Each structure stands twice: as structure tokens, then as C-alpha cells.
Amino acid sequence: MEAYFDREMNAVVPWRDLRAMARALPCVQEKFTSYHAYGGSSVAETLGAKFSAAEELSAATLDSMVFLNRDGKFEARSLPVEAQFAPAFGVCVGDMDGDGKEDVFLSQNFFATLPEEWRQDAGRALWLRGDGKGGLKAVSGQESGVAVYGEQRGCALADYDGDGRVDLVVTQNGNATKLFHNVGAKPGLRVRLKGGPGNPTGVGAQMRLIYGERKGPAREIHAGSGYWSQDGAVEVLGTPQAPTQLWVRWAGGRTTTNSVPAGAREIEVDVEGKMGVLRQ
């Protein structure tokens, strides 16, 4: 039973209306013969003798959050306020602007609410720019060029035109799928993995670029990235400066490290560590 504290009644009262409560707890329908009587009752009065056996749980926050892994312990951080205006349905991680720092995209909104609730439609899709230290800042639609006002669902990232910039696709419930062509980012390095028979795209592998003594963010190849969605298997890694090496940890635990040729725009690496330049 969802409940909240009503200041006028000075009591914890049910959130759902009588019809919804009666479907879940038939005993409630037997106890109350009118909406008026039900509307003036607390949770304790609604449950009656069953109240003493009920367990109370509470939520400290309802924020959409990110959990940062800090040496094996997760640190919870609320996302910026712009991410709280509407629920998020899809999540993607990629380098939107090519600065070598991972960004987060959220598809938003949910219309199929219960009769007593309002439609959650205050979002228009949102990019969050990462600072490389776990911080995220909302990017306005005017800057990102992304504005989707419908009930957004799946989302995925892929460099569909091969220009070294990550592009975005967003689906909608009952409306057109949106494809956003990235034209403003600094082009990065396209990396294609060959995982061998049974796993040709290297699903489960992690990779990161190395710039001299500094390591870039890790990226994983995954099969399925959200609601009916899957990111492209060819990753685009940001190159704020010329990378010197590519490190890969394959799904079986094997690691390979390859020098990145100067000026390479797309490379391919197989599970044995053999690398080829596909585009210079």
C-alpha cells in the first residue's frame, strides 16, 4: 500500500483511491461503502486488525541517480535537477562531444499513469555532460540539438555514417523514431573488435585508450543496452589528444595492448591481439 502523511488529518493515509485499493485488498471494499468514508480514513483505519501485522517501508529519495563505483563501494549521486522533471526510460553512455569524457543520455516521459496521477511529460530527452570525475551537467536542447516531446522509450548510440562522431536514435511509444546526426563533436577513434567464432563483435570486452601516462574512460561492448535497444558494436572513443595505445580486456579475461598508429581513424583488433588500420 502506497501512503503519505496528510497534514490536515495528522495521519498517514492511503495514496490510491478506493477502486484501486479494493482490487488489491478486497477487505477494503467490504469495510467502506463510500468514497467519502474511505477518503477520511488513515492507513491504520483502512487496514483495521491487519495493520499490526503490516511492515512499514520508507524511501529517503525518489531522485533519478547514478552510482559511482569507488574502490568496490558504490557512491550514490542524484542527477541534475533537469533529469528529475520526468522519469527516464532509456539510458546510454557515450562521448557526445568527443572530449574524452563519458556523457549520459536519458530518454524521458511516461504517459500510461493511473487515473489519479498526472501524465509525466515534462522531459524532452536529455544529454548530461560528464566532467571525467563522476560529475554530470545538463546540456540544453538548444546546445545539443535533441528535443523529443513524446513518450520516449528505447535509445541507442552508433556512428551510423562512419564520421567518427557518435549519433543517437530515440524511439517513442506511438510516435516516430528520431535519429539525431552528430555534426558538432570532435571526431574520435573508431574501434572494431573481432571476438572470434560465437562472439564476432567481442561482446563483453572492455576497452580504453591510453594517452602516454594517462588512461581514458573504459567502454564495454554489450548485447542489448536498454528497452528494445542495442548500441552499435563499433565504438567511438574520444581523442582529446593523440592516443598512444589501446587496451582491451576480452570477455574471457585475456588482455591485449596495441600501439595506435598516428593519424588512424579506425582500427580493428582481434582476440589474439592482432591489429589492423581500417581507415587512416
C-alpha atoms as a PDB file:
ATOM      1  CA  MET A   1       0.000   0.000   0.000  1.00  0.00           C
ATOM      2  CA  GLU A   2       1.420   3.381  -1.016  1.00  0.00           C
ATOM      3  CA  ALA A   3       0.810   6.074   1.572  1.00  0.00           C
ATOM      4  CA  TYR A   4       1.763   9.617   2.543  1.00  0.00           C
ATOM      5  CA  PHE A   5       1.431  11.916   5.556  1.00  0.00           C
ATOM      6  CA  ASP A   6      -1.619  14.188   5.408  1.00  0.00           C
ATOM      7  CA  ARG A   7      -1.025  17.327   7.477  1.00  0.00           C
ATOM      8  CA  GLU A   8      -4.709  18.214   7.832  1.00  0.00           C
ATOM      9  CA  MET A   9      -5.586  14.765   9.167  1.00  0.00           C
ATOM     10  CA  ASN A  10      -2.250  14.473  11.010  1.00  0.00           C
ATOM     11  CA  ALA A  11      -2.092  10.869   9.880  1.00  0.00           C
ATOM     12  CA  VAL A  12      -0.594   8.573   7.278  1.00  0.00           C
ATOM     13  CA  VAL A  13      -3.255   7.974   4.617  1.00  0.00           C
ATOM     14  CA  PRO A  14      -3.534   5.711   1.531  1.00  0.00           C
ATOM     15  CA  TRP A  15      -2.338   7.155  -1.783  1.00  0.00           C
ATOM     16  CA  ARG A  16      -4.540   5.060  -4.105  1.00  0.00           C
ATOM     17  CA  ASP A  17      -8.289   5.572  -4.489  1.00  0.00           C
ATOM     18  CA  LEU A  18     -10.901   3.139  -3.205  1.00  0.00           C
ATOM     19  CA  ARG A  19     -11.323   1.290  -6.503  1.00  0.00           C
ATOM     20  CA  ALA A  20      -7.598   0.568  -6.831  1.00  0.00           C
ATOM     21  CA  MET A  21      -7.301  -0.463  -3.186  1.00  0.00           C
ATOM     22  CA  ALA A  22     -10.319  -2.759  -3.385  1.00  0.00           C
ATOM     23  CA  ARG A  23      -8.804  -4.633  -6.338  1.00  0.00           C
ATOM     24  CA  ALA A  24      -5.668  -5.325  -4.328  1.00  0.00           C
ATOM     25  CA  LEU A  25      -7.323  -5.779  -0.912  1.00  0.00           C
ATOM     26  CA  PRO A  26     -10.955  -6.974  -1.170  1.00  0.00           C
ATOM     27  CA  CYS A  27     -11.381  -6.460   2.555  1.00  0.00           C
ATOM     28  CA  VAL A  28     -11.168  -2.701   1.997  1.00  0.00           C
ATOM     29  CA  GLN A  29     -14.262  -2.801  -0.258  1.00  0.00           C
ATOM     30  CA  GLU A  30     -16.145  -4.685   2.425  1.00  0.00           C
ATOM     31  CA  LYS A  31     -15.252  -2.109   5.072  1.00  0.00           C
ATOM     32  CA  PHE A  32     -16.028   1.109   3.191  1.00  0.00           C
ATOM     33  CA  THR A  33     -19.325   1.716   1.440  1.00  0.00           C
ATOM     34  CA  SER A  34     -18.462   5.165   0.040  1.00  0.00           C
ATOM     35  CA  TYR A  35     -15.533   7.132  -1.279  1.00  0.00           C
ATOM     36  CA  HIS A  36     -16.228   9.774   1.372  1.00  0.00           C
ATOM     37  CA  ALA A  37     -15.761   7.309   4.215  1.00  0.00           C
ATOM     38  CA  TYR A  38     -12.614   5.905   2.637  1.00  0.00           C
ATOM     39  CA  GLY A  39     -11.211   9.391   1.976  1.00  0.00           C
ATOM     40  CA  GLY A  40     -11.354  10.246   5.672  1.00  0.00           C
ATOM     41  CA  SER A  41      -9.547   7.158   6.899  1.00  0.00           C
ATOM     42  CA  SER A  42      -5.911   6.647   7.824  1.00  0.00           C
ATOM     43  CA  VAL A  43      -3.840   3.613   6.860  1.00  0.00           C
ATOM     44  CA  ALA A  44      -4.415   2.151  10.337  1.00  0.00           C
ATOM     45  CA  GLU A  45      -8.184   2.585   9.996  1.00  0.00           C
ATOM     46  CA  THR A  46      -8.162   1.203   6.452  1.00  0.00           C
ATOM     47  CA  LEU A  47      -6.322  -1.975   7.394  1.00  0.00           C
ATOM     48  CA  GLY A  48      -8.013  -2.423  10.753  1.00  0.00           C
ATOM     49  CA  ALA A  49      -6.832  -5.544  12.583  1.00  0.00           C
ATOM     50  CA  LYS A  50      -4.380  -6.300   9.780  1.00  0.00           C
ATOM     51  CA  PHE A  51      -2.449  -3.079  10.500  1.00  0.00           C
ATOM     52  CA  SER A  52      -0.452  -4.599  13.378  1.00  0.00           C
ATOM     53  CA  ALA A  53       1.000  -7.224  11.011  1.00  0.00           C
ATOM     54  CA  ALA A  54       1.920  -4.697   8.307  1.00  0.00           C
ATOM     55  CA  GLU A  55       5.542  -3.697   7.757  1.00  0.00           C
ATOM     56  CA  GLU A  56       6.344  -0.048   7.050  1.00  0.00           C
ATOM     57  CA  LEU A  57       8.989   0.864   4.477  1.00  0.00           C
ATOM     58  CA  SER A  58      10.021   4.364   3.505  1.00  0.00           C
ATOM     59  CA  ALA A  59      12.023   5.958   0.688  1.00  0.00           C
ATOM     60  CA  ALA A  60      14.684   8.520   1.524  1.00  0.00           C
ATOM     61  CA  THR A  61      14.686   9.937  -2.012  1.00  0.00           C
ATOM     62  CA  LEU A  62      12.901   9.382  -5.304  1.00  0.00           C
ATOM     63  CA  ASP A  63      15.597  11.078  -7.374  1.00  0.00           C
ATOM     64  CA  SER A  64      16.995   9.522 -10.521  1.00  0.00           C
ATOM     65  CA  MET A  65      20.564   8.709  -9.522  1.00  0.00           C
ATOM     66  CA  VAL A  66      23.935   7.445 -10.673  1.00  0.00           C
ATOM     67  CA  PHE A  67      26.009   5.056  -8.558  1.00  0.00           C
ATOM     68  CA  LEU A  68      29.755   5.537  -8.879  1.00  0.00           C
ATOM     69  CA  ASN A  69      31.994   2.573  -8.085  1.00  0.00           C
ATOM     70  CA  ARG A  70      34.647   3.933  -5.721  1.00  0.00           C
ATOM     71  CA  ASP A  71      37.122   1.126  -4.989  1.00  0.00           C
ATOM     72  CA  GLY A  72      34.421  -1.511  -4.637  1.00  0.00           C
ATOM     73  CA  LYS A  73      31.938   0.709  -2.804  1.00  0.00           C
ATOM     74  CA  PHE A  74      29.102   2.481  -4.606  1.00  0.00           C
ATOM     75  CA  GLU A  75      28.666   6.207  -4.072  1.00  0.00           C
ATOM     76  CA  ALA A  76      25.135   7.478  -4.793  1.00  0.00           C
ATOM     77  CA  ARG A  77      24.711  10.834  -6.524  1.00  0.00           C
ATOM     78  CA  SER A  78      21.479  12.460  -7.595  1.00  0.00           C
ATOM     79  CA  LEU A  79      21.399  13.510 -11.229  1.00  0.00           C
ATOM     80  CA  PRO A  80      20.959  17.231 -12.008  1.00  0.00           C
ATOM     81  CA  VAL A  81      17.513  18.734 -11.480  1.00  0.00           C
ATOM     82  CA  GLU A  82      16.777  18.676 -15.217  1.00  0.00           C
ATOM     83  CA  ALA A  83      16.858  14.876 -15.019  1.00  0.00           C
ATOM     84  CA  GLN A  84      14.231  14.909 -12.248  1.00  0.00           C
ATOM     85  CA  PHE A  85      11.492  16.693 -14.219  1.00  0.00           C
ATOM     86  CA  ALA A  86      10.355  13.422 -15.809  1.00  0.00           C
ATOM     87  CA  PRO A  87      11.104   9.712 -15.365  1.00  0.00           C
ATOM     88  CA  ALA A  88      13.880   8.241 -17.509  1.00  0.00           C
ATOM     89  CA  PHE A  89      13.137   5.121 -19.544  1.00  0.00           C
ATOM     90  CA  GLY A  90      16.321   4.621 -21.570  1.00  0.00           C
ATOM     91  CA  VAL A  91      19.974   5.292 -20.700  1.00  0.00           C
ATOM     92  CA  CYS A  92      23.030   5.480 -22.965  1.00  0.00           C
ATOM     93  CA  VAL A  93      26.665   6.213 -22.152  1.00  0.00           C
ATOM     94  CA  GLY A  94      28.953   7.703 -24.799  1.00  0.00           C
ATOM     95  CA  ASP A  95      31.162  10.663 -25.648  1.00  0.00           C
ATOM     96  CA  MET A  96      28.741  13.178 -27.133  1.00  0.00           C
ATOM     97  CA  ASP A  97      31.249  15.946 -27.818  1.00  0.00           C
ATOM     98  CA  GLY A  98      34.480  13.990 -28.325  1.00  0.00           C
ATOM     99  CA  ASP A  99      36.298  15.495 -25.335  1.00  0.00           C
ATOM    100  CA  GLY A 100      37.385  12.084 -23.995  1.00  0.00           C
ATOM    101  CA  LYS A 101      34.941  12.195 -21.060  1.00  0.00           C
ATOM    102  CA  GLU A 102      31.880   9.975 -20.917  1.00  0.00           C
ATOM    103  CA  ASP A 103      28.439  11.584 -21.162  1.00  0.00           C
ATOM    104  CA  VAL A 104      24.986  10.159 -20.378  1.00  0.00           C
ATOM    105  CA  PHE A 105      21.787  10.348 -22.423  1.00  0.00           C
ATOM    106  CA  LEU A 106      18.294   9.820 -20.965  1.00  0.00           C
ATOM    107  CA  SER A 107      15.062   9.163 -22.842  1.00  0.00           C
ATOM    108  CA  GLN A 108      12.204  10.548 -20.766  1.00  0.00           C
ATOM    109  CA  ASN A 109       8.454  10.760 -20.075  1.00  0.00           C
ATOM    110  CA  PHE A 110       5.754   8.266 -19.183  1.00  0.00           C
ATOM    111  CA  PHE A 111       2.105   8.716 -20.151  1.00  0.00           C
ATOM    112  CA  ALA A 112       0.447   5.472 -19.009  1.00  0.00           C
ATOM    113  CA  THR A 113      -0.221   6.665 -15.481  1.00  0.00           C
ATOM    114  CA  LEU A 114      -3.075   5.733 -13.163  1.00  0.00           C
ATOM    115  CA  PRO A 115      -6.271   7.846 -13.321  1.00  0.00           C
ATOM    116  CA  GLU A 116      -5.465   9.692 -10.100  1.00  0.00           C
ATOM    117  CA  GLU A 117      -1.971  10.665 -11.301  1.00  0.00           C
ATOM    118  CA  TRP A 118      -0.857  13.275 -13.794  1.00  0.00           C
ATOM    119  CA  ARG A 119       0.880  12.497 -17.079  1.00  0.00           C
ATOM    120  CA  GLN A 120       4.657  12.669 -16.666  1.00  0.00           C
ATOM    121  CA  ASP A 121       5.582  14.648 -19.749  1.00  0.00           C
ATOM    122  CA  ALA A 122       7.999  17.375 -18.648  1.00  0.00           C
ATOM    123  CA  GLY A 123      11.053  15.887 -20.368  1.00  0.00           C
ATOM    124  CA  ARG A 124      12.186  16.270 -23.954  1.00  0.00           C
ATOM    125  CA  ALA A 125      15.204  13.891 -23.796  1.00  0.00           C
ATOM    126  CA  LEU A 126      18.385  14.961 -22.070  1.00  0.00           C
ATOM    127  CA  TRP A 127      22.135  14.813 -22.535  1.00  0.00           C
ATOM    128  CA  LEU A 128      24.245  15.058 -19.385  1.00  0.00           C
ATOM    129  CA  ARG A 129      27.848  16.126 -19.974  1.00  0.00           C
ATOM    130  CA  GLY A 130      30.416  14.327 -17.845  1.00  0.00           C
ATOM    131  CA  ASP A 131      33.450  16.023 -16.329  1.00  0.00           C
ATOM    132  CA  GLY A 132      35.542  12.831 -16.152  1.00  0.00           C
ATOM    133  CA  LYS A 133      35.314  12.745 -12.345  1.00  0.00           C
ATOM    134  CA  GLY A 134      31.765  11.495 -11.912  1.00  0.00           C
ATOM    135  CA  GLY A 135      30.060  14.875 -12.227  1.00  0.00           C
ATOM    136  CA  LEU A 136      27.264  15.402 -14.744  1.00  0.00           C
ATOM    137  CA  LYS A 137      25.768  18.657 -16.035  1.00  0.00           C
ATOM    138  CA  ALA A 138      22.626  19.007 -18.136  1.00  0.00           C
ATOM    139  CA  VAL A 139      23.069  20.131 -21.733  1.00  0.00           C
ATOM    140  CA  SER A 140      20.232  22.295 -23.030  1.00  0.00           C
ATOM    141  CA  GLY A 141      18.283  21.206 -26.070  1.00  0.00           C
ATOM    142  CA  GLN A 142      19.398  24.385 -27.821  1.00  0.00           C
ATOM    143  CA  GLU A 143      23.012  23.270 -27.484  1.00  0.00           C
ATOM    144  CA  SER A 144      22.613  19.520 -28.032  1.00  0.00           C
ATOM    145  CA  GLY A 145      20.012  19.781 -30.793  1.00  0.00           C
ATOM    146  CA  VAL A 146      17.986  16.973 -29.172  1.00  0.00           C
ATOM    147  CA  ALA A 147      14.307  17.629 -28.472  1.00  0.00           C
ATOM    148  CA  VAL A 148      11.752  14.808 -28.309  1.00  0.00           C
ATOM    149  CA  TYR A 149       8.402  15.716 -26.772  1.00  0.00           C
ATOM    150  CA  GLY A 150       6.634  12.343 -26.955  1.00  0.00           C
ATOM    151  CA  GLU A 151       6.680   9.294 -24.704  1.00  0.00           C
ATOM    152  CA  GLN A 152      10.294   8.261 -25.278  1.00  0.00           C
ATOM    153  CA  ARG A 153      11.317   4.646 -24.896  1.00  0.00           C
ATOM    154  CA  GLY A 154      14.449   2.962 -26.244  1.00  0.00           C
ATOM    155  CA  CYS A 155      17.638   4.806 -27.151  1.00  0.00           C
ATOM    156  CA  ALA A 156      20.922   3.728 -28.674  1.00  0.00           C
ATOM    157  CA  LEU A 157      24.253   5.178 -29.801  1.00  0.00           C
ATOM    158  CA  ALA A 158      26.106   4.315 -33.015  1.00  0.00           C
ATOM    159  CA  ASP A 159      28.285   6.089 -35.525  1.00  0.00           C
ATOM    160  CA  TYR A 160      25.887   5.237 -38.332  1.00  0.00           C
ATOM    161  CA  ASP A 161      27.630   7.333 -41.004  1.00  0.00           C
ATOM    162  CA  GLY A 162      31.198   6.449 -40.020  1.00  0.00           C
ATOM    163  CA  ASP A 163      32.435  10.005 -39.458  1.00  0.00           C
ATOM    164  CA  GLY A 164      33.898   9.302 -36.008  1.00  0.00           C
ATOM    165  CA  ARG A 165      31.087  11.044 -34.121  1.00  0.00           C
ATOM    166  CA  VAL A 166      28.551   9.126 -32.055  1.00  0.00           C
ATOM    167  CA  ASP A 167      24.968   9.518 -33.314  1.00  0.00           C
ATOM    168  CA  LEU A 168      21.740   8.956 -31.388  1.00  0.00           C
ATOM    169  CA  VAL A 169      18.439   7.183 -32.073  1.00  0.00           C
ATOM    170  CA  VAL A 170      15.387   7.543 -29.811  1.00  0.00           C
ATOM    171  CA  THR A 171      12.143   5.592 -30.158  1.00  0.00           C
ATOM    172  CA  GLN A 172       8.737   6.755 -28.980  1.00  0.00           C
ATOM    173  CA  ASN A 173       5.603   4.938 -27.884  1.00  0.00           C
ATOM    174  CA  GLY A 174       3.021   5.555 -30.615  1.00  0.00           C
ATOM    175  CA  ASN A 175       5.140   8.087 -32.456  1.00  0.00           C
ATOM    176  CA  ALA A 176       8.036   8.357 -34.897  1.00  0.00           C
ATOM    177  CA  THR A 177      11.556   7.133 -34.169  1.00  0.00           C
ATOM    178  CA  LYS A 178      14.025  10.025 -34.069  1.00  0.00           C
ATOM    179  CA  LEU A 179      17.558   9.872 -35.479  1.00  0.00           C
ATOM    180  CA  PHE A 180      19.978  12.634 -34.474  1.00  0.00           C
ATOM    181  CA  HIS A 181      23.079  13.145 -36.605  1.00  0.00           C
ATOM    182  CA  ASN A 182      26.059  14.395 -34.594  1.00  0.00           C
ATOM    183  CA  VAL A 183      27.742  17.185 -36.538  1.00  0.00           C
ATOM    184  CA  GLY A 184      29.464  19.161 -33.787  1.00  0.00           C
ATOM    185  CA  ALA A 185      31.676  16.719 -31.883  1.00  0.00           C
ATOM    186  CA  LYS A 186      35.409  16.360 -32.294  1.00  0.00           C
ATOM    187  CA  PRO A 187      35.855  13.121 -34.300  1.00  0.00           C
ATOM    188  CA  GLY A 188      37.219  10.212 -32.274  1.00  0.00           C
ATOM    189  CA  LEU A 189      38.792   6.837 -32.987  1.00  0.00           C
ATOM    190  CA  ARG A 190      36.504   4.105 -34.304  1.00  0.00           C
ATOM    191  CA  VAL A 191      37.397   0.729 -32.746  1.00  0.00           C
ATOM    192  CA  ARG A 192      36.112  -2.560 -34.130  1.00  0.00           C
ATOM    193  CA  LEU A 193      36.734  -5.829 -32.239  1.00  0.00           C
ATOM    194  CA  LYS A 194      36.890  -9.352 -33.685  1.00  0.00           C
ATOM    195  CA  GLY A 195      35.982 -11.775 -30.945  1.00  0.00           C
ATOM    196  CA  GLY A 196      36.150 -14.979 -32.903  1.00  0.00           C
ATOM    197  CA  PRO A 197      33.511 -17.688 -33.614  1.00  0.00           C
ATOM    198  CA  GLY A 198      30.417 -17.407 -31.461  1.00  0.00           C
ATOM    199  CA  ASN A 199      31.165 -13.824 -30.466  1.00  0.00           C
ATOM    200  CA  PRO A 200      32.259 -11.982 -33.611  1.00  0.00           C
ATOM    201  CA  THR A 201      31.800  -8.452 -32.227  1.00  0.00           C
ATOM    202  CA  GLY A 202      33.539  -9.111 -28.905  1.00  0.00           C
ATOM    203  CA  VAL A 203      30.510  -8.702 -26.632  1.00  0.00           C
ATOM    204  CA  GLY A 204      31.613  -8.374 -23.005  1.00  0.00           C
ATOM    205  CA  ALA A 205      35.004  -6.875 -23.853  1.00  0.00           C
ATOM    206  CA  GLN A 206      36.163  -3.639 -22.233  1.00  0.00           C
ATOM    207  CA  MET A 207      38.468  -1.161 -23.920  1.00  0.00           C
ATOM    208  CA  ARG A 208      40.167   2.122 -23.173  1.00  0.00           C
ATOM    209  CA  LEU A 209      42.601   4.426 -24.893  1.00  0.00           C
ATOM    210  CA  ILE A 210      45.891   5.379 -23.264  1.00  0.00           C
ATOM    211  CA  TYR A 211      47.433   8.797 -23.833  1.00  0.00           C
ATOM    212  CA  GLY A 212      51.031   8.480 -22.698  1.00  0.00           C
ATOM    213  CA  GLU A 213      50.783   8.113 -18.919  1.00  0.00           C
ATOM    214  CA  ARG A 214      47.059   8.885 -18.757  1.00  0.00           C
ATOM    215  CA  LYS A 215      44.216   6.403 -19.258  1.00  0.00           C
ATOM    216  CA  GLY A 216      40.914   7.277 -20.864  1.00  0.00           C
ATOM    217  CA  PRO A 217      37.499   6.004 -19.685  1.00  0.00           C
ATOM    218  CA  ALA A 218      36.621   2.315 -20.074  1.00  0.00           C
ATOM    219  CA  ARG A 219      33.915   1.299 -22.540  1.00  0.00           C
ATOM    220  CA  GLU A 220      32.196  -2.092 -22.818  1.00  0.00           C
ATOM    221  CA  ILE A 221      30.747  -3.874 -25.827  1.00  0.00           C
ATOM    222  CA  HIS A 222      27.319  -5.129 -24.806  1.00  0.00           C
ATOM    223  CA  ALA A 223      24.467  -7.029 -26.450  1.00  0.00           C
ATOM    224  CA  GLY A 224      21.371  -5.089 -25.541  1.00  0.00           C
ATOM    225  CA  SER A 225      21.679  -1.660 -23.938  1.00  0.00           C
ATOM    226  CA  GLY A 226      18.153  -0.993 -22.752  1.00  0.00           C
ATOM    227  CA  TYR A 227      14.500  -1.298 -23.699  1.00  0.00           C
ATOM    228  CA  TRP A 228      14.464  -2.998 -27.124  1.00  0.00           C
ATOM    229  CA  SER A 229      17.740  -1.218 -27.895  1.00  0.00           C
ATOM    230  CA  GLN A 230      21.346  -2.034 -28.623  1.00  0.00           C
ATOM    231  CA  ASP A 231      24.272   0.329 -29.150  1.00  0.00           C
ATOM    232  CA  GLY A 232      26.488  -0.118 -32.184  1.00  0.00           C
ATOM    233  CA  ALA A 233      29.284  -2.683 -31.846  1.00  0.00           C
ATOM    234  CA  VAL A 234      31.849  -0.296 -33.358  1.00  0.00           C
ATOM    235  CA  GLU A 235      32.846   2.025 -30.522  1.00  0.00           C
ATOM    236  CA  VAL A 236      33.839   5.656 -30.924  1.00  0.00           C
ATOM    237  CA  LEU A 237      36.432   6.617 -28.304  1.00  0.00           C
ATOM    238  CA  GLY A 238      37.135  10.285 -27.703  1.00  0.00           C
ATOM    239  CA  THR A 239      40.568  11.611 -28.635  1.00  0.00           C
ATOM    240  CA  PRO A 240      41.168  14.923 -26.840  1.00  0.00           C
ATOM    241  CA  GLN A 241      44.812  14.252 -27.696  1.00  0.00           C
ATOM    242  CA  ALA A 242      46.571  11.697 -29.881  1.00  0.00           C
ATOM    243  CA  PRO A 243      46.251   8.234 -28.249  1.00  0.00           C
ATOM    244  CA  THR A 244      49.346   6.076 -27.940  1.00  0.00           C
ATOM    245  CA  GLN A 245      47.796   2.689 -27.050  1.00  0.00           C
ATOM    246  CA  LEU A 246      44.541   0.743 -26.979  1.00  0.00           C
ATOM    247  CA  TRP A 247      43.974  -1.623 -24.039  1.00  0.00           C
ATOM    248  CA  VAL A 248      41.333  -4.368 -24.317  1.00  0.00           C
ATOM    249  CA  ARG A 249      40.154  -6.874 -21.724  1.00  0.00           C
ATOM    250  CA  TRP A 250      38.254  -9.605 -23.556  1.00  0.00           C
ATOM    251  CA  ALA A 251      35.228 -11.458 -22.201  1.00  0.00           C
ATOM    252  CA  GLY A 252      37.330 -14.451 -21.150  1.00  0.00           C
ATOM    253  CA  GLY A 253      39.731 -12.275 -19.118  1.00  0.00           C
ATOM    254  CA  ARG A 254      42.559 -12.071 -21.662  1.00  0.00           C
ATOM    255  CA  THR A 255      44.079  -8.593 -22.095  1.00  0.00           C
ATOM    256  CA  THR A 256      45.796  -7.115 -25.129  1.00  0.00           C
ATOM    257  CA  THR A 257      47.563  -3.791 -25.604  1.00  0.00           C
ATOM    258  CA  ASN A 258      48.341  -2.313 -29.023  1.00  0.00           C
ATOM    259  CA  SER A 259      50.105   0.826 -30.149  1.00  0.00           C
ATOM    260  CA  VAL A 260      47.791   3.159 -32.038  1.00  0.00           C
ATOM    261  CA  PRO A 261      49.333   4.418 -35.293  1.00  0.00           C
ATOM    262  CA  ALA A 262      49.447   8.183 -35.626  1.00  0.00           C
ATOM    263  CA  GLY A 263      46.556   9.535 -37.673  1.00  0.00           C
ATOM    264  CA  ALA A 264      44.487   6.338 -37.541  1.00  0.00           C
ATOM    265  CA  ARG A 265      40.727   6.976 -37.710  1.00  0.00           C
ATOM    266  CA  GLU A 266      39.502   3.390 -37.478  1.00  0.00           C
ATOM    267  CA  ILE A 267      41.251   0.256 -36.240  1.00  0.00           C
ATOM    268  CA  GLU A 268      40.365  -3.395 -35.790  1.00  0.00           C
ATOM    269  CA  VAL A 269      41.742  -5.699 -33.087  1.00  0.00           C
ATOM    270  CA  ASP A 270      41.184  -9.443 -32.757  1.00  0.00           C
ATOM    271  CA  VAL A 271      41.211 -11.596 -29.624  1.00  0.00           C
ATOM    272  CA  GLU A 272      44.814 -12.633 -30.315  1.00  0.00           C
ATOM    273  CA  GLY A 273      45.936  -9.004 -30.213  1.00  0.00           C
ATOM    274  CA  LYS A 274      46.461  -8.575 -33.938  1.00  0.00           C
ATOM    275  CA  MET A 275      45.623  -5.030 -35.023  1.00  0.00           C
ATOM    276  CA  GLY A 276      44.898  -3.551 -38.434  1.00  0.00           C
ATOM    277  CA  VAL A 277      44.227   0.020 -39.563  1.00  0.00           C
ATOM    278  CA  LEU A 278      40.965   0.199 -41.491  1.00  0.00           C
ATOM    279  CA  ARG A 279      40.943   3.935 -42.098  1.00  0.00           C
ATOM    280  CA  GLN A 280      43.749   6.495 -41.945  1.00  0.00           C
END
